[in-house]
Amino acid sequence: MDDEALLRGRVYGTDHDDPDPGPRPGRSYRELVGGPLDGLLLDVTGWGEAEVAGGAALPTEIGRYGAGGRAHYEPRAEDPRRWDWRGDTR
């Protein structure tokens, strides 16, 4: 992911009416690929190595299970800055 792609992205968890939902300087992001959160950026600033390597189960209302569901993303082996969707759970 290049700097230009980061500047275009919207950060997971920002409000829909946020006038500036993009990434902030000095923060570290991962691009979510596939699934219900495709194209969003996840702010991993302050996460430890093990946390980043383990991926994340992110709450979302737009996944398979609706409200209360989670979308699971894991780092891509050949490009850990991109996290691939692995499925949804309750």
PDB file of N, CA and C in Angstrom:
ATOM      1  N   MET A   1       0.853  -1.171   0.000  1.00  0.00           N
ATOM      2  CA  MET A   1       0.000   0.000   0.000  1.00  0.00           C
ATOM      3  C   MET A   1       0.897   1.232   0.000  1.00  0.00           C
ATOM      4  N   ASP A   2       0.699   2.103  -0.966  1.00  0.00           N
ATOM      5  CA  ASP A   2       1.518   3.299  -1.047  1.00  0.00           C
ATOM      6  C   ASP A   2       0.856   4.455  -0.300  1.00  0.00           C
ATOM      7  N   ASP A   3       1.578   5.563  -0.179  1.00  0.00           N
ATOM      8  CA  ASP A   3       1.052   6.719   0.549  1.00  0.00           C
ATOM      9  C   ASP A   3      -0.219   7.267  -0.088  1.00  0.00           C
ATOM     10  N   GLU A   4      -0.285   7.230  -1.412  1.00  0.00           N
ATOM     11  CA  GLU A   4      -1.472   7.748  -2.101  1.00  0.00           C
ATOM     12  C   GLU A   4      -2.709   6.921  -1.743  1.00  0.00           C
ATOM     13  N   ALA A   5      -2.544   5.596  -1.674  1.00  0.00           N
ATOM     14  CA  ALA A   5      -3.667   4.730  -1.301  1.00  0.00           C
ATOM     15  C   ALA A   5      -4.126   5.032   0.123  1.00  0.00           C
ATOM     16  N   LEU A   6      -3.181   5.266   1.005  1.00  0.00           N
ATOM     17  CA  LEU A   6      -3.534   5.608   2.379  1.00  0.00           C
ATOM     18  C   LEU A   6      -4.350   6.891   2.440  1.00  0.00           C
ATOM     19  N   LEU A   7      -3.978   7.865   1.658  1.00  0.00           N
ATOM     20  CA  LEU A   7      -4.665   9.149   1.691  1.00  0.00           C
ATOM     21  C   LEU A   7      -6.103   9.038   1.214  1.00  0.00           C
ATOM     22  N   ARG A   8      -6.397   8.073   0.361  1.00  0.00           N
ATOM     23  CA  ARG A   8      -7.756   7.893  -0.152  1.00  0.00           C
ATOM     24  C   ARG A   8      -8.625   7.089   0.797  1.00  0.00           C
ATOM     25  N   GLY A   9      -8.031   6.320   1.693  1.00  0.00           N
ATOM     26  CA  GLY A   9      -8.782   5.376   2.511  1.00  0.00           C
ATOM     27  C   GLY A   9      -9.618   5.996   3.602  1.00  0.00           C
ATOM     28  N   ARG A  10     -10.593   5.220   4.053  1.00  0.00           N
ATOM     29  CA  ARG A  10     -11.444   5.574   5.182  1.00  0.00           C
ATOM     30  C   ARG A  10     -11.085   4.629   6.309  1.00  0.00           C
ATOM     31  N   VAL A  11     -10.992   5.143   7.508  1.00  0.00           N
ATOM     32  CA  VAL A  11     -10.558   4.357   8.653  1.00  0.00           C
ATOM     33  C   VAL A  11     -11.752   3.656   9.308  1.00  0.00           C
ATOM     34  N   TYR A  12     -11.606   2.348   9.543  1.00  0.00           N
ATOM     35  CA  TYR A  12     -12.613   1.551  10.236  1.00  0.00           C
ATOM     36  C   TYR A  12     -12.909   2.199  11.590  1.00  0.00           C
ATOM     37  N   GLY A  13     -14.179   2.305  11.902  1.00  0.00           N
ATOM     38  CA  GLY A  13     -14.590   2.835  13.192  1.00  0.00           C
ATOM     39  C   GLY A  13     -14.888   4.326  13.200  1.00  0.00           C
ATOM     40  N   THR A  14     -14.572   5.036  12.115  1.00  0.00           N
ATOM     41  CA  THR A  14     -14.915   6.458  12.081  1.00  0.00           C
ATOM     42  C   THR A  14     -16.417   6.602  11.836  1.00  0.00           C
ATOM     43  N   ASP A  15     -16.980   7.669  12.332  1.00  0.00           N
ATOM     44  CA  ASP A  15     -18.404   7.936  12.135  1.00  0.00           C
ATOM     45  C   ASP A  15     -18.692   8.203  10.666  1.00  0.00           C
ATOM     46  N   HIS A  16     -19.869   7.797  10.219  1.00  0.00           N
ATOM     47  CA  HIS A  16     -20.255   8.002   8.826  1.00  0.00           C
ATOM     48  C   HIS A  16     -20.350   9.485   8.464  1.00  0.00           C
ATOM     49  N   ASP A  17     -20.627  10.334   9.456  1.00  0.00           N
ATOM     50  CA  ASP A  17     -20.736  11.766   9.173  1.00  0.00           C
ATOM     51  C   ASP A  17     -19.455  12.528   9.504  1.00  0.00           C
ATOM     52  N   ASP A  18     -18.372  11.824   9.797  1.00  0.00           N
ATOM     53  CA  ASP A  18     -17.081  12.458  10.071  1.00  0.00           C
ATOM     54  C   ASP A  18     -16.607  13.171   8.800  1.00  0.00           C
ATOM     55  N   PRO A  19     -16.344  14.479   8.876  1.00  0.00           N
ATOM     56  CA  PRO A  19     -15.910  15.192   7.680  1.00  0.00           C
ATOM     57  C   PRO A  19     -14.514  14.787   7.201  1.00  0.00           C
ATOM     58  N   ASP A  20     -13.733  14.140   8.049  1.00  0.00           N
ATOM     59  CA  ASP A  20     -12.385  13.714   7.667  1.00  0.00           C
ATOM     60  C   ASP A  20     -12.148  12.288   8.169  1.00  0.00           C
ATOM     61  N   PRO A  21     -12.747  11.279   7.488  1.00  0.00           N
ATOM     62  CA  PRO A  21     -12.664   9.894   7.961  1.00  0.00           C
ATOM     63  C   PRO A  21     -11.373   9.175   7.555  1.00  0.00           C
ATOM     64  N   GLY A  22     -10.439   9.897   6.981  1.00  0.00           N
ATOM     65  CA  GLY A  22      -9.211   9.291   6.487  1.00  0.00           C
ATOM     66  C   GLY A  22      -8.154   9.107   7.556  1.00  0.00           C
ATOM     67  N   PRO A  23      -7.030   8.557   7.146  1.00  0.00           N
ATOM     68  CA  PRO A  23      -5.929   8.301   8.072  1.00  0.00           C
ATOM     69  C   PRO A  23      -5.316   9.590   8.610  1.00  0.00           C
ATOM     70  N   ARG A  24      -4.722   9.483   9.776  1.00  0.00           N
ATOM     71  CA  ARG A  24      -4.088  10.614  10.445  1.00  0.00           C
ATOM     72  C   ARG A  24      -2.569  10.449  10.397  1.00  0.00           C
ATOM     73  N   PRO A  25      -1.850  11.542  10.301  1.00  0.00           N
ATOM     74  CA  PRO A  25      -0.376  11.460  10.316  1.00  0.00           C
ATOM     75  C   PRO A  25       0.122  10.837  11.617  1.00  0.00           C
ATOM     76  N   GLY A  26       1.209  10.090  11.504  1.00  0.00           N
ATOM     77  CA  GLY A  26       1.828   9.493  12.679  1.00  0.00           C
ATOM     78  C   GLY A  26       1.161   8.234  13.183  1.00  0.00           C
ATOM     79  N   ARG A  27       0.168   7.731  12.473  1.00  0.00           N
ATOM     80  CA  ARG A  27      -0.534   6.510  12.869  1.00  0.00           C
ATOM     81  C   ARG A  27      -0.130   5.385  11.932  1.00  0.00           C
ATOM     82  N   SER A  28      -0.357   4.142  12.345  1.00  0.00           N
ATOM     83  CA  SER A  28      -0.018   2.972  11.535  1.00  0.00           C
ATOM     84  C   SER A  28      -1.305   2.240  11.158  1.00  0.00           C
ATOM     85  N   TYR A  29      -1.440   1.919   9.857  1.00  0.00           N
ATOM     86  CA  TYR A  29      -2.675   1.324   9.353  1.00  0.00           C
ATOM     87  C   TYR A  29      -2.418   0.038   8.579  1.00  0.00           C
ATOM     88  N   ARG A  30      -3.458  -0.802   8.516  1.00  0.00           N
ATOM     89  CA  ARG A  30      -3.480  -1.984   7.669  1.00  0.00           C
ATOM     90  C   ARG A  30      -4.715  -1.876   6.788  1.00  0.00           C
ATOM     91  N   GLU A  31      -4.582  -2.287   5.535  1.00  0.00           N
ATOM     92  CA  GLU A  31      -5.708  -2.248   4.600  1.00  0.00           C
ATOM     93  C   GLU A  31      -6.495  -3.549   4.701  1.00  0.00           C
ATOM     94  N   LEU A  32      -7.806  -3.459   4.874  1.00  0.00           N
ATOM     95  CA  LEU A  32      -8.675  -4.627   4.938  1.00  0.00           C
ATOM     96  C   LEU A  32      -9.106  -4.985   3.526  1.00  0.00           C
ATOM     97  N   VAL A  33      -8.948  -6.265   3.166  1.00  0.00           N
ATOM     98  CA  VAL A  33      -9.198  -6.718   1.797  1.00  0.00           C
ATOM     99  C   VAL A  33     -10.253  -7.818   1.796  1.00  0.00           C
ATOM    100  N   GLY A  34     -11.327  -7.604   1.042  1.00  0.00           N
ATOM    101  CA  GLY A  34     -12.398  -8.586   0.950  1.00  0.00           C
ATOM    102  C   GLY A  34     -13.376  -8.460   2.102  1.00  0.00           C
ATOM    103  N   GLY A  35     -14.457  -9.205   2.012  1.00  0.00           N
ATOM    104  CA  GLY A  35     -15.447  -9.226   3.081  1.00  0.00           C
ATOM    105  C   GLY A  35     -16.183  -7.913   3.244  1.00  0.00           C
ATOM    106  N   PRO A  36     -16.916  -7.779   4.340  1.00  0.00           N
ATOM    107  CA  PRO A  36     -17.776  -6.616   4.533  1.00  0.00           C
ATOM    108  C   PRO A  36     -17.029  -5.303   4.765  1.00  0.00           C
ATOM    109  N   LEU A  37     -15.767  -5.365   5.155  1.00  0.00           N
ATOM    110  CA  LEU A  37     -15.015  -4.143   5.454  1.00  0.00           C
ATOM    111  C   LEU A  37     -13.966  -3.829   4.393  1.00  0.00           C
ATOM    112  N   ASP A  38     -14.131  -4.431   3.227  1.00  0.00           N
ATOM    113  CA  ASP A  38     -13.184  -4.269   2.131  1.00  0.00           C
ATOM    114  C   ASP A  38     -12.895  -2.793   1.844  1.00  0.00           C
ATOM    115  N   GLY A  39     -11.609  -2.470   1.770  1.00  0.00           N
ATOM    116  CA  GLY A  39     -11.183  -1.121   1.426  1.00  0.00           C
ATOM    117  C   GLY A  39     -10.988  -0.194   2.604  1.00  0.00           C
ATOM    118  N   LEU A  40     -11.447  -0.592   3.787  1.00  0.00           N
ATOM    119  CA  LEU A  40     -11.239   0.253   4.963  1.00  0.00           C
ATOM    120  C   LEU A  40      -9.823   0.076   5.483  1.00  0.00           C
ATOM    121  N   LEU A  41      -9.365   1.054   6.242  1.00  0.00           N
ATOM    122  CA  LEU A  41      -8.064   0.979   6.899  1.00  0.00           C
ATOM    123  C   LEU A  41      -8.290   0.732   8.382  1.00  0.00           C
ATOM    124  N   LEU A  42      -7.478  -0.132   8.967  1.00  0.00           N
ATOM    125  CA  LEU A  42      -7.555  -0.419  10.392  1.00  0.00           C
ATOM    126  C   LEU A  42      -6.366   0.229  11.085  1.00  0.00           C
ATOM    127  N   ASP A  43      -6.629   1.056  12.079  1.00  0.00           N
ATOM    128  CA  ASP A  43      -5.575   1.720  12.834  1.00  0.00           C
ATOM    129  C   ASP A  43      -4.998   0.721  13.841  1.00  0.00           C
ATOM    130  N   VAL A  44      -3.724   0.367  13.665  1.00  0.00           N
ATOM    131  CA  VAL A  44      -3.061  -0.585  14.563  1.00  0.00           C
ATOM    132  C   VAL A  44      -1.988   0.103  15.402  1.00  0.00           C
ATOM    133  N   THR A  45      -2.044   1.411  15.478  1.00  0.00           N
ATOM    134  CA  THR A  45      -1.090   2.168  16.285  1.00  0.00           C
ATOM    135  C   THR A  45      -1.149   1.679  17.726  1.00  0.00           C
ATOM    136  N   GLY A  46      -0.010   1.365  18.286  1.00  0.00           N
ATOM    137  CA  GLY A  46       0.052   0.907  19.671  1.00  0.00           C
ATOM    138  C   GLY A  46      -0.136  -0.588  19.848  1.00  0.00           C
ATOM    139  N   TRP A  47      -0.450  -1.318  18.791  1.00  0.00           N
ATOM    140  CA  TRP A  47      -0.584  -2.770  18.887  1.00  0.00           C
ATOM    141  C   TRP A  47       0.805  -3.377  18.972  1.00  0.00           C
ATOM    142  N   GLY A  48       0.974  -4.425  19.740  1.00  0.00           N
ATOM    143  CA  GLY A  48       2.225  -5.168  19.804  1.00  0.00           C
ATOM    144  C   GLY A  48       2.386  -6.062  18.580  1.00  0.00           C
ATOM    145  N   GLU A  49       3.599  -6.580  18.396  1.00  0.00           N
ATOM    146  CA  GLU A  49       3.878  -7.459  17.248  1.00  0.00           C
ATOM    147  C   GLU A  49       2.942  -8.654  17.198  1.00  0.00           C
ATOM    148  N   ALA A  50       2.724  -9.293  18.344  1.00  0.00           N
ATOM    149  CA  ALA A  50       1.866 -10.480  18.391  1.00  0.00           C
ATOM    150  C   ALA A  50       0.422 -10.127  18.040  1.00  0.00           C
ATOM    151  N   GLU A  51      -0.043  -8.980  18.505  1.00  0.00           N
ATOM    152  CA  GLU A  51      -1.407  -8.567  18.184  1.00  0.00           C
ATOM    153  C   GLU A  51      -1.573  -8.339  16.680  1.00  0.00           C
ATOM    154  N   VAL A  52      -0.616  -7.651  16.082  1.00  0.00           N
ATOM    155  CA  VAL A  52      -0.683  -7.386  14.644  1.00  0.00           C
ATOM    156  C   VAL A  52      -0.588  -8.698  13.865  1.00  0.00           C
ATOM    157  N   ALA A  53       0.294  -9.588  14.269  1.00  0.00           N
ATOM    158  CA  ALA A  53       0.471 -10.865  13.573  1.00  0.00           C
ATOM    159  C   ALA A  53      -0.775 -11.741  13.677  1.00  0.00           C
ATOM    160  N   GLY A  54      -1.558 -11.562  14.729  1.00  0.00           N
ATOM    161  CA  GLY A  54      -2.744 -12.387  14.943  1.00  0.00           C
ATOM    162  C   GLY A  54      -3.984 -11.927  14.206  1.00  0.00           C
ATOM    163  N   GLY A  55      -3.931 -10.748  13.594  1.00  0.00           N
ATOM    164  CA  GLY A  55      -5.108 -10.246  12.903  1.00  0.00           C
ATOM    165  C   GLY A  55      -6.142  -9.735  13.881  1.00  0.00           C
ATOM    166  N   ALA A  56      -7.399  -9.665  13.419  1.00  0.00           N
ATOM    167  CA  ALA A  56      -8.443  -9.096  14.268  1.00  0.00           C
ATOM    168  C   ALA A  56      -9.820  -9.616  13.889  1.00  0.00           C
ATOM    169  N   ALA A  57     -10.692  -9.688  14.877  1.00  0.00           N
ATOM    170  CA  ALA A  57     -12.111  -9.978  14.687  1.00  0.00           C
ATOM    171  C   ALA A  57     -12.836  -8.668  14.971  1.00  0.00           C
ATOM    172  N   LEU A  58     -13.292  -8.013  13.924  1.00  0.00           N
ATOM    173  CA  LEU A  58     -13.818  -6.652  14.030  1.00  0.00           C
ATOM    174  C   LEU A  58     -15.342  -6.624  14.035  1.00  0.00           C
ATOM    175  N   PRO A  59     -15.932  -5.999  15.041  1.00  0.00           N
ATOM    176  CA  PRO A  59     -17.388  -5.884  15.075  1.00  0.00           C
ATOM    177  C   PRO A  59     -17.898  -5.137  13.843  1.00  0.00           C
ATOM    178  N   THR A  60     -18.964  -5.664  13.250  1.00  0.00           N
ATOM    179  CA  THR A  60     -19.596  -5.003  12.107  1.00  0.00           C
ATOM    180  C   THR A  60     -21.046  -5.417  12.011  1.00  0.00           C
ATOM    181  N   GLU A  61     -21.871  -4.495  11.592  1.00  0.00           N
ATOM    182  CA  GLU A  61     -23.290  -4.774  11.386  1.00  0.00           C
ATOM    183  C   GLU A  61     -23.574  -5.154   9.949  1.00  0.00           C
ATOM    184  N   ILE A  62     -22.580  -5.047   9.073  1.00  0.00           N
ATOM    185  CA  ILE A  62     -22.822  -5.306   7.657  1.00  0.00           C
ATOM    186  C   ILE A  62     -22.295  -6.658   7.196  1.00  0.00           C
ATOM    187  N   GLY A  63     -21.879  -7.505   8.131  1.00  0.00           N
ATOM    188  CA  GLY A  63     -21.417  -8.843   7.786  1.00  0.00           C
ATOM    189  C   GLY A  63     -22.564  -9.833   7.717  1.00  0.00           C
ATOM    190  N   ARG A  64     -22.232 -11.079   7.583  1.00  0.00           N
ATOM    191  CA  ARG A  64     -23.206 -12.161   7.428  1.00  0.00           C
ATOM    192  C   ARG A  64     -24.204 -12.231   8.584  1.00  0.00           C
ATOM    193  N   TYR A  65     -23.761 -11.912   9.804  1.00  0.00           N
ATOM    194  CA  TYR A  65     -24.607 -12.083  10.982  1.00  0.00           C
ATOM    195  C   TYR A  65     -25.239 -10.795  11.481  1.00  0.00           C
ATOM    196  N   GLY A  66     -25.077  -9.694  10.755  1.00  0.00           N
ATOM    197  CA  GLY A  66     -25.702  -8.438  11.158  1.00  0.00           C
ATOM    198  C   GLY A  66     -25.155  -7.916  12.471  1.00  0.00           C
ATOM    199  N   ALA A  67     -26.011  -7.196  13.191  1.00  0.00           N
ATOM    200  CA  ALA A  67     -25.597  -6.614  14.470  1.00  0.00           C
ATOM    201  C   ALA A  67     -25.082  -7.707  15.405  1.00  0.00           C
ATOM    202  N   GLY A  68     -23.952  -7.468  16.014  1.00  0.00           N
ATOM    203  CA  GLY A  68     -23.346  -8.449  16.906  1.00  0.00           C
ATOM    204  C   GLY A  68     -22.362  -9.369  16.211  1.00  0.00           C
ATOM    205  N   GLY A  69     -22.285  -9.298  14.891  1.00  0.00           N
ATOM    206  CA  GLY A  69     -21.342 -10.131  14.148  1.00  0.00           C
ATOM    207  C   GLY A  69     -19.944  -9.529  14.103  1.00  0.00           C
ATOM    208  N   ARG A  70     -19.003 -10.365  13.713  1.00  0.00           N
ATOM    209  CA  ARG A  70     -17.607  -9.928  13.578  1.00  0.00           C
ATOM    210  C   ARG A  70     -17.039 -10.431  12.259  1.00  0.00           C
ATOM    211  N   ALA A  71     -16.214  -9.600  11.647  1.00  0.00           N
ATOM    212  CA  ALA A  71     -15.499  -9.976  10.426  1.00  0.00           C
ATOM    213  C   ALA A  71     -14.050 -10.247  10.814  1.00  0.00           C
ATOM    214  N   HIS A  72     -13.537 -11.420  10.431  1.00  0.00           N
ATOM    215  CA  HIS A  72     -12.177 -11.818  10.797  1.00  0.00           C
ATOM    216  C   HIS A  72     -11.202 -11.514   9.655  1.00  0.00           C
ATOM    217  N   TYR A  73     -10.119 -10.835  10.006  1.00  0.00           N
ATOM    218  CA  TYR A  73      -9.074 -10.477   9.041  1.00  0.00           C
ATOM    219  C   TYR A  73      -7.717 -10.910   9.575  1.00  0.00           C
ATOM    220  N   GLU A  74      -6.867 -11.399   8.654  1.00  0.00           N
ATOM    221  CA  GLU A  74      -5.516 -11.837   9.013  1.00  0.00           C
ATOM    222  C   GLU A  74      -4.508 -11.241   8.040  1.00  0.00           C
ATOM    223  N   PRO A  75      -3.281 -10.982   8.519  1.00  0.00           N
ATOM    224  CA  PRO A  75      -2.256 -10.428   7.630  1.00  0.00           C
ATOM    225  C   PRO A  75      -1.963 -11.364   6.463  1.00  0.00           C
ATOM    226  N   ARG A  76      -1.771 -10.787   5.309  1.00  0.00           N
ATOM    227  CA  ARG A  76      -1.397 -11.532   4.107  1.00  0.00           C
ATOM    228  C   ARG A  76       0.082 -11.892   4.229  1.00  0.00           C
ATOM    229  N   ALA A  77       0.427 -13.143   3.977  1.00  0.00           N
ATOM    230  CA  ALA A  77       1.806 -13.621   4.149  1.00  0.00           C
ATOM    231  C   ALA A  77       2.811 -12.808   3.338  1.00  0.00           C
ATOM    232  N   GLU A  78       2.492 -12.537   2.077  1.00  0.00           N
ATOM    233  CA  GLU A  78       3.453 -11.843   1.216  1.00  0.00           C
ATOM    234  C   GLU A  78       3.403 -10.323   1.355  1.00  0.00           C
ATOM    235  N   ASP A  79       2.391  -9.787   2.034  1.00  0.00           N
ATOM    236  CA  ASP A  79       2.274  -8.346   2.249  1.00  0.00           C
ATOM    237  C   ASP A  79       1.472  -8.098   3.523  1.00  0.00           C
ATOM    238  N   PRO A  80       2.109  -8.150   4.686  1.00  0.00           N
ATOM    239  CA  PRO A  80       1.384  -8.042   5.953  1.00  0.00           C
ATOM    240  C   PRO A  80       0.717  -6.685   6.201  1.00  0.00           C
ATOM    241  N   ARG A  81       0.942  -5.724   5.317  1.00  0.00           N
ATOM    242  CA  ARG A  81       0.228  -4.441   5.436  1.00  0.00           C
ATOM    243  C   ARG A  81      -1.195  -4.559   4.923  1.00  0.00           C
ATOM    244  N   ARG A  82      -1.488  -5.657   4.221  1.00  0.00           N
ATOM    245  CA  ARG A  82      -2.840  -5.936   3.731  1.00  0.00           C
ATOM    246  C   ARG A  82      -3.383  -7.140   4.497  1.00  0.00           C
ATOM    247  N   TRP A  83      -4.568  -7.016   5.035  1.00  0.00           N
ATOM    248  CA  TRP A  83      -5.188  -8.088   5.806  1.00  0.00           C
ATOM    249  C   TRP A  83      -6.373  -8.643   5.020  1.00  0.00           C
ATOM    250  N   ASP A  84      -6.372  -9.948   4.833  1.00  0.00           N
ATOM    251  CA  ASP A  84      -7.414 -10.622   4.070  1.00  0.00           C
ATOM    252  C   ASP A  84      -8.542 -11.120   4.972  1.00  0.00           C
ATOM    253  N   TRP A  85      -9.744 -11.029   4.436  1.00  0.00           N
ATOM    254  CA  TRP A  85     -10.939 -11.495   5.145  1.00  0.00           C
ATOM    255  C   TRP A  85     -10.922 -13.013   5.197  1.00  0.00           C
ATOM    256  N   ARG A  86     -11.254 -13.554   6.359  1.00  0.00           N
ATOM    257  CA  ARG A  86     -11.280 -15.009   6.541  1.00  0.00           C
ATOM    258  C   ARG A  86     -12.672 -15.533   6.879  1.00  0.00           C
ATOM    259  N   GLY A  87     -13.626 -14.653   7.039  1.00  0.00           N
ATOM    260  CA  GLY A  87     -15.001 -15.072   7.323  1.00  0.00           C
ATOM    261  C   GLY A  87     -15.625 -14.256   8.430  1.00  0.00           C
ATOM    262  N   ASP A  88     -16.919 -14.501   8.653  1.00  0.00           N
ATOM    263  CA  ASP A  88     -17.686 -13.795   9.679  1.00  0.00           C
ATOM    264  C   ASP A  88     -18.119 -14.782  10.758  1.00  0.00           C
ATOM    265  N   THR A  89     -18.256 -14.279  11.967  1.00  0.00           N
ATOM    266  CA  THR A  89     -18.780 -15.074  13.087  1.00  0.00           C
ATOM    267  C   THR A  89     -19.718 -14.219  13.904  1.00  0.00           C
ATOM    268  N   ARG A  90     -20.404 -14.871  14.808  1.00  0.00           N
ATOM    269  CA  ARG A  90     -21.301 -14.155  15.743  1.00  0.00           C
ATOM    270  C   ARG A  90     -20.525 -13.719  16.953  1.00  0.00           C
TER     271      ARG A  90
END
